[in-house]
Amino acid sequence: MIRLVSNKYTFVDKLKLGYNYITTKLLHPKQRLVRQPFVLRGGVMVKWGTELTTGVGCRIEAFIADGDKSKKIKLGNRIQLNDYVHISALKSVEIGDDVLMASHVYISDNSHGSYKGDEDDTSPDIEPAKRPYYVAPVKIGNRVWIGEGVIIMPGVHIGDGAVIGAHSIVNKDVPPETIAVGGPARVVKRWNSVLQRWVRVEL
């Protein structure tokens, strides 16, 4: 099993890295490395942890909803977001410590309309951009590993130590120390602390 991997940077890469390091320490002194471009909207409604690392093109957005300017996004410590991670919050997105995300991950506590099949459903006669927002808090625990291209939908709670497979669509809670894959995501393995291995879950 490989435990340590490193890259050799080109001269141009080193210049970019140096620039990003300097801008990080000037603009976000408690963070490890924030690569540009980095889009931040509603920064006063974000509660920052420390030692955040981002790839390029990350986008973090917290919106004022019904006059509420409270902290909508709460980030833990030592989070690593790779390229083009997008986090959007109208009410609450909370991410714990030591979380690793691959690229092109989308996390949102809101969507344009409700489509659950109940009395609150949104009519297709309304233009999508004008539909009332459906909002439900999202919580991601500590030590969670989220693979490439994952979408995490409103109302989801992902437990500590969980793994979300690449390109999964998470629309239901994921228990701690499990592996969930697919669209919609379902649990396929669970950590067995006695055997010290991941054990397949019978479906």
Protein backbone atom coordinates (compact mmCIF):
# COMPACT_ATOMS: atom_id res chain seq x y z
CA MET A 1 0.00 0.00 0.00
CA ILE A 2 1.35 3.43 -0.99
CA ARG A 3 1.29 5.91 1.89
CA LEU A 4 3.17 8.95 0.57
CA VAL A 5 2.82 10.59 -2.85
CA SER A 6 4.50 13.78 -4.05
CA ASN A 7 4.56 15.83 -7.24
CA LYS A 8 7.40 17.63 -8.96
CA TYR A 9 6.33 21.12 -9.95
CA THR A 10 7.55 22.89 -13.09
CA PHE A 11 9.11 26.33 -12.76
CA VAL A 12 5.83 27.96 -13.87
CA ASP A 13 3.89 25.83 -11.41
CA LYS A 14 6.21 26.95 -8.62
CA LEU A 15 5.61 30.59 -9.54
CA LYS A 16 1.84 30.05 -9.43
CA LEU A 17 2.14 28.20 -6.14
CA GLY A 18 4.20 31.04 -4.68
CA TYR A 19 1.66 33.62 -5.84
CA ASN A 20 -1.23 31.61 -4.36
CA TYR A 21 0.64 31.14 -1.10
CA ILE A 22 1.27 34.88 -0.77
CA THR A 23 -2.34 35.81 -1.59
CA THR A 24 -3.56 33.20 0.87
CA LYS A 25 -1.49 34.61 3.72
CA LEU A 26 -2.61 38.16 2.87
CA LEU A 27 -6.32 37.44 2.39
CA HIS A 28 -6.88 34.28 4.45
CA PRO A 29 -4.03 34.13 6.99
CA LYS A 30 -5.41 31.15 8.97
CA GLN A 31 -5.69 28.95 5.89
CA ARG A 32 -3.04 26.68 4.37
CA LEU A 33 -3.40 27.41 0.65
CA VAL A 34 -6.26 28.97 -1.35
CA ARG A 35 -5.59 28.71 -5.07
CA GLN A 36 -6.91 31.39 -7.42
CA PRO A 37 -9.37 31.86 -8.92
CA PHE A 38 -11.45 31.47 -5.77
CA VAL A 39 -15.03 32.80 -5.66
CA LEU A 40 -16.44 33.81 -2.28
CA ARG A 41 -19.91 35.33 -1.96
CA GLY A 42 -21.43 36.24 1.39
CA GLY A 43 -18.14 35.74 3.22
CA VAL A 44 -19.50 37.33 6.41
CA MET A 45 -21.96 34.42 6.62
CA VAL A 46 -19.16 31.83 6.52
CA LYS A 47 -17.61 30.51 9.73
CA TRP A 48 -14.05 29.54 8.87
CA GLY A 49 -11.96 26.81 10.41
CA THR A 50 -8.18 26.76 9.92
CA GLU A 51 -5.73 25.21 7.45
CA LEU A 52 -8.12 25.08 4.49
CA THR A 53 -6.58 23.96 1.19
CA THR A 54 -8.35 24.51 -2.15
CA GLY A 55 -7.75 23.73 -5.78
CA VAL A 56 -8.52 26.23 -8.53
CA GLY A 57 -12.02 27.47 -9.30
CA CYS A 58 -13.64 26.73 -5.95
CA ARG A 59 -16.87 28.62 -5.27
CA ILE A 60 -18.36 29.17 -1.81
CA GLU A 61 -21.66 31.04 -1.62
CA ALA A 62 -23.80 31.98 1.38
CA PHE A 63 -26.99 33.90 0.68
CA ILE A 64 -29.21 36.20 2.76
CA ALA A 65 -32.57 34.41 2.98
CA ASP A 66 -35.60 36.26 4.37
CA GLY A 67 -33.26 38.82 5.97
CA ASP A 68 -31.24 36.18 7.85
CA LYS A 69 -27.53 37.08 7.85
CA SER A 70 -26.36 34.39 10.30
CA LYS A 71 -23.50 31.98 9.59
CA LYS A 72 -24.83 29.75 6.81
CA ILE A 73 -21.64 27.80 6.04
CA LYS A 74 -19.52 26.35 8.84
CA LEU A 75 -16.17 24.89 7.87
CA GLY A 76 -14.05 22.73 10.16
CA ASN A 77 -10.27 22.47 10.32
CA ARG A 78 -7.87 20.95 7.76
CA ILE A 79 -10.47 20.64 4.98
CA GLN A 80 -9.10 19.97 1.51
CA LEU A 81 -11.22 20.96 -1.51
CA ASN A 82 -9.87 20.09 -4.93
CA ASP A 83 -10.63 21.93 -8.20
CA TYR A 84 -14.09 23.39 -8.87
CA VAL A 85 -15.84 22.44 -5.64
CA HIS A 86 -19.07 24.45 -5.30
CA ILE A 87 -20.80 24.93 -1.93
CA SER A 88 -24.09 26.84 -1.75
CA ALA A 89 -26.13 27.66 1.36
CA LEU A 90 -29.35 29.52 2.17
CA LYS A 91 -29.71 28.04 5.66
CA SER A 92 -26.96 25.64 6.79
CA VAL A 93 -24.10 23.66 5.30
CA GLU A 94 -21.76 22.31 7.98
CA ILE A 95 -18.53 20.45 7.17
CA GLY A 96 -16.42 18.82 9.88
CA ASP A 97 -12.67 18.43 10.39
CA ASP A 98 -10.23 16.59 8.10
CA VAL A 99 -12.65 16.29 5.18
CA LEU A 100 -11.20 15.55 1.74
CA MET A 101 -13.10 16.33 -1.48
CA ALA A 102 -12.06 15.49 -5.03
CA SER A 103 -12.83 17.86 -7.91
CA HIS A 104 -16.21 19.00 -9.28
CA VAL A 105 -18.12 18.30 -6.06
CA TYR A 106 -21.41 20.16 -5.55
CA ILE A 107 -22.97 20.62 -2.10
CA SER A 108 -26.18 22.58 -1.58
CA ASP A 109 -28.86 22.98 1.07
CA ASN A 110 -31.29 24.40 -1.49
CA SER A 111 -32.94 23.79 -4.84
CA HIS A 112 -35.35 25.63 -7.11
CA GLY A 113 -38.62 24.02 -6.06
CA SER A 114 -39.72 20.85 -4.29
CA TYR A 115 -40.25 17.54 -6.10
CA LYS A 116 -40.98 15.00 -3.34
CA GLY A 117 -44.41 13.92 -4.53
CA ASP A 118 -46.39 15.62 -1.77
CA GLU A 119 -48.62 18.67 -1.28
CA ASP A 120 -45.58 21.01 -1.32
CA ASP A 121 -44.56 20.06 -4.87
CA THR A 122 -43.70 22.86 -7.26
CA SER A 123 -45.71 23.22 -10.46
CA PRO A 124 -43.81 22.84 -13.75
CA ASP A 125 -45.88 25.81 -14.99
CA ILE A 126 -43.61 28.11 -12.95
CA GLU A 127 -40.33 29.14 -14.56
CA PRO A 128 -37.47 27.28 -12.77
CA ALA A 129 -35.69 30.51 -11.78
CA LYS A 130 -38.90 31.83 -10.16
CA ARG A 131 -39.81 28.71 -8.17
CA PRO A 132 -39.76 29.03 -4.35
CA TYR A 133 -36.60 27.56 -2.85
CA TYR A 134 -36.72 24.23 -1.07
CA VAL A 135 -34.18 24.43 1.78
CA ALA A 136 -32.92 21.73 4.19
CA PRO A 137 -29.66 21.72 6.22
CA VAL A 138 -26.67 19.65 5.12
CA LYS A 139 -24.15 18.23 7.58
CA ILE A 140 -20.92 16.40 6.72
CA GLY A 141 -19.04 14.81 9.60
CA ASN A 142 -15.34 14.48 10.37
CA ARG A 143 -12.86 12.50 8.23
CA VAL A 144 -15.26 12.13 5.30
CA TRP A 145 -13.80 11.37 1.85
CA ILE A 146 -15.93 12.58 -1.07
CA GLY A 147 -15.00 11.35 -4.55
CA GLU A 148 -14.91 13.04 -7.95
CA GLY A 149 -18.11 14.64 -9.25
CA VAL A 150 -20.28 13.90 -6.22
CA ILE A 151 -23.54 15.82 -5.72
CA ILE A 152 -24.85 16.23 -2.17
CA MET A 153 -28.47 17.28 -2.06
CA PRO A 154 -30.41 19.35 0.53
CA GLY A 155 -31.25 17.66 3.83
CA VAL A 156 -28.41 15.11 3.77
CA HIS A 157 -26.35 14.13 6.83
CA ILE A 158 -23.12 12.20 6.18
CA GLY A 159 -21.63 10.55 9.25
CA ASP A 160 -18.03 10.57 10.48
CA GLY A 161 -15.55 8.49 8.50
CA ALA A 162 -17.89 7.84 5.57
CA VAL A 163 -16.68 7.48 1.97
CA ILE A 164 -18.77 8.68 -1.00
CA GLY A 165 -17.85 7.06 -4.32
CA ALA A 166 -17.15 9.11 -7.46
CA HIS A 167 -20.14 10.58 -9.33
CA SER A 168 -22.61 9.56 -6.64
CA ILE A 169 -25.79 11.54 -6.01
CA VAL A 170 -26.42 11.67 -2.28
CA ASN A 171 -30.07 12.40 -1.50
CA LYS A 172 -30.38 10.41 1.76
CA ASP A 173 -28.36 10.21 4.97
CA VAL A 174 -25.16 8.15 4.95
CA PRO A 175 -24.29 6.48 8.29
CA PRO A 176 -20.84 6.84 9.90
CA GLU A 177 -18.01 4.58 8.70
CA THR A 178 -19.79 3.35 5.59
CA ILE A 179 -19.10 3.52 1.84
CA ALA A 180 -21.97 4.78 -0.34
CA VAL A 181 -21.98 4.76 -4.16
CA GLY A 182 -24.32 5.35 -7.07
CA GLY A 183 -27.16 7.57 -8.12
CA PRO A 184 -28.98 7.69 -5.82
CA ALA A 185 -26.19 6.66 -3.46
CA ARG A 186 -26.63 3.51 -1.36
CA VAL A 187 -24.43 1.95 1.30
CA VAL A 188 -22.37 -0.97 -0.04
CA LYS A 189 -19.74 -1.44 2.69
CA ARG A 190 -19.34 -0.84 6.40
CA TRP A 191 -16.18 -0.63 8.52
CA ASN A 192 -15.76 -3.58 10.86
CA SER A 193 -13.64 -2.41 13.79
CA VAL A 194 -13.05 -5.99 15.00
CA LEU A 195 -11.79 -7.30 11.65
CA GLN A 196 -10.22 -3.92 10.79
CA ARG A 197 -11.57 -4.02 7.26
CA TRP A 198 -14.48 -2.85 5.10
CA VAL A 199 -17.20 -5.48 4.92
CA ARG A 200 -19.78 -5.68 2.13
CA VAL A 201 -23.36 -4.90 3.15
CA GLU A 202 -25.98 -7.42 2.03
CA LEU A 203 -28.60 -5.67 -0.11
